[in-house]
């Protein structure tokens, strides 16, 4: 599979399902992701996106989880872009800490 582009996705709000993000790869294939969580870190926003597969009922379906940085374009629209390696590491650490904290409470 070719690399997915994160620089020009289309954000589609879907009623009762949250935000669905559409991304295209270099070959024009479309992939859908559900925005599961937005983490504010150091003044930036980062989304945890989980792939949506039309055939999620398949036993071998493994959702893809990606991290995207949310930036606002000149029209005030959210764009999902690939974070830098440093940003990725910070988001990953914050995400893990969030779930460690939840386990400590539960």
Protein backbone atom coordinates (compact mmCIF):
# COMPACT_ATOMS: atom_id res chain seq x y z
CA UNK A 1 0.00 0.00 0.00
CA UNK A 2 1.33 3.42 -0.79
CA UNK A 3 1.78 6.15 1.78
CA UNK A 4 -1.30 8.16 2.69
CA UNK A 5 -1.19 11.90 2.32
CA UNK A 6 -2.20 13.78 5.43
CA UNK A 7 -1.98 17.28 4.02
CA UNK A 8 -5.31 17.65 2.19
CA UNK A 9 -7.96 15.49 3.85
CA UNK A 10 -11.63 16.37 3.75
CA UNK A 11 -13.34 16.61 7.11
CA UNK A 12 -16.90 15.31 7.09
CA UNK A 13 -19.03 15.68 10.22
CA UNK A 14 -21.43 12.74 10.47
CA UNK A 15 -24.42 12.98 12.82
CA UNK A 16 -24.13 10.70 15.86
CA UNK A 17 -20.82 9.30 14.62
CA UNK A 18 -18.46 12.18 15.40
CA UNK A 19 -16.00 13.50 12.85
CA UNK A 20 -15.01 11.38 9.88
CA UNK A 21 -11.77 12.33 8.11
CA UNK A 22 -11.20 11.31 4.49
CA UNK A 23 -7.63 10.88 3.28
CA UNK A 24 -6.26 9.94 -0.13
CA UNK A 25 -3.02 8.14 -0.89
CA UNK A 26 -0.65 8.83 -3.79
CA UNK A 27 -2.71 6.55 -6.04
CA UNK A 28 -6.03 8.29 -5.28
CA UNK A 29 -7.37 5.57 -2.98
CA UNK A 30 -9.69 6.98 -0.30
CA UNK A 31 -9.43 5.98 3.36
CA UNK A 32 -11.84 6.97 6.12
CA UNK A 33 -10.87 7.60 9.72
CA UNK A 34 -12.93 8.31 12.80
CA UNK A 35 -11.63 11.06 15.06
CA UNK A 36 -11.56 9.29 18.39
CA UNK A 37 -9.77 11.84 20.55
CA UNK A 38 -8.27 15.32 20.29
CA UNK A 39 -5.35 16.11 22.58
CA UNK A 40 -4.28 19.71 23.19
CA UNK A 41 -0.51 19.79 23.67
CA UNK A 42 1.60 22.94 24.01
CA UNK A 43 -0.96 25.11 22.21
CA UNK A 44 -1.43 22.65 19.31
CA UNK A 45 -4.19 20.10 18.72
CA UNK A 46 -3.54 16.49 17.75
CA UNK A 47 -6.12 13.91 16.71
CA UNK A 48 -6.07 10.19 17.31
CA UNK A 49 -7.67 8.74 14.16
CA UNK A 50 -8.87 5.16 13.76
CA UNK A 51 -9.47 3.66 10.33
CA UNK A 52 -12.96 2.75 9.27
CA UNK A 53 -13.36 -0.32 7.08
CA UNK A 54 -16.60 -1.12 5.28
CA UNK A 55 -16.07 -4.75 6.25
CA UNK A 56 -15.24 -4.26 9.94
CA UNK A 57 -17.05 -7.50 10.75
CA UNK A 58 -14.27 -9.54 9.15
CA UNK A 59 -12.39 -11.55 11.77
CA UNK A 60 -9.01 -10.42 10.49
CA UNK A 61 -9.85 -6.69 10.45
CA UNK A 62 -7.17 -4.68 12.26
CA UNK A 63 -7.96 -0.96 12.47
CA UNK A 64 -5.11 1.42 11.72
CA UNK A 65 -4.47 4.10 14.33
CA UNK A 66 -2.70 7.28 13.28
CA UNK A 67 -1.84 10.60 14.89
CA UNK A 68 -2.47 13.81 12.96
CA UNK A 69 -1.79 17.40 13.85
CA UNK A 70 -4.81 19.66 13.36
CA UNK A 71 -4.06 23.04 11.80
CA UNK A 72 -6.47 25.74 10.66
CA UNK A 73 -6.20 26.88 7.04
CA UNK A 74 -6.84 30.39 5.70
CA UNK A 75 -10.59 29.61 5.46
CA UNK A 76 -10.84 28.59 9.11
CA UNK A 77 -11.14 24.89 8.19
CA UNK A 78 -9.35 22.17 10.12
CA UNK A 79 -6.68 20.26 8.17
CA UNK A 80 -5.08 17.08 9.40
CA UNK A 81 -1.35 16.94 8.70
CA UNK A 82 1.44 14.55 9.60
CA UNK A 83 3.18 15.58 12.83
CA UNK A 84 6.93 15.89 13.11
CA UNK A 85 8.77 13.05 14.86
CA UNK A 86 9.10 15.20 17.99
CA UNK A 87 5.38 16.05 17.98
CA UNK A 88 4.51 12.39 17.44
CA UNK A 89 6.60 11.38 20.46
CA UNK A 90 4.96 14.06 22.65
CA UNK A 91 1.46 12.98 21.60
CA UNK A 92 2.23 9.33 22.13
CA UNK A 93 3.56 10.05 25.64
CA UNK A 94 0.49 12.18 26.49
CA UNK A 95 -1.86 9.49 25.17
CA UNK A 96 -0.17 6.78 27.21
CA UNK A 97 -0.21 8.99 30.32
CA UNK A 98 -3.93 9.64 29.84
CA UNK A 99 -4.69 5.92 29.89
CA UNK A 100 -2.25 5.25 32.75
CA UNK A 101 -4.09 7.92 34.78
CA UNK A 102 -7.47 6.33 33.95
CA UNK A 103 -6.24 2.91 35.07
CA UNK A 104 -5.02 4.41 38.37
CA UNK A 105 -8.49 5.89 39.02
CA UNK A 106 -10.44 2.74 37.99
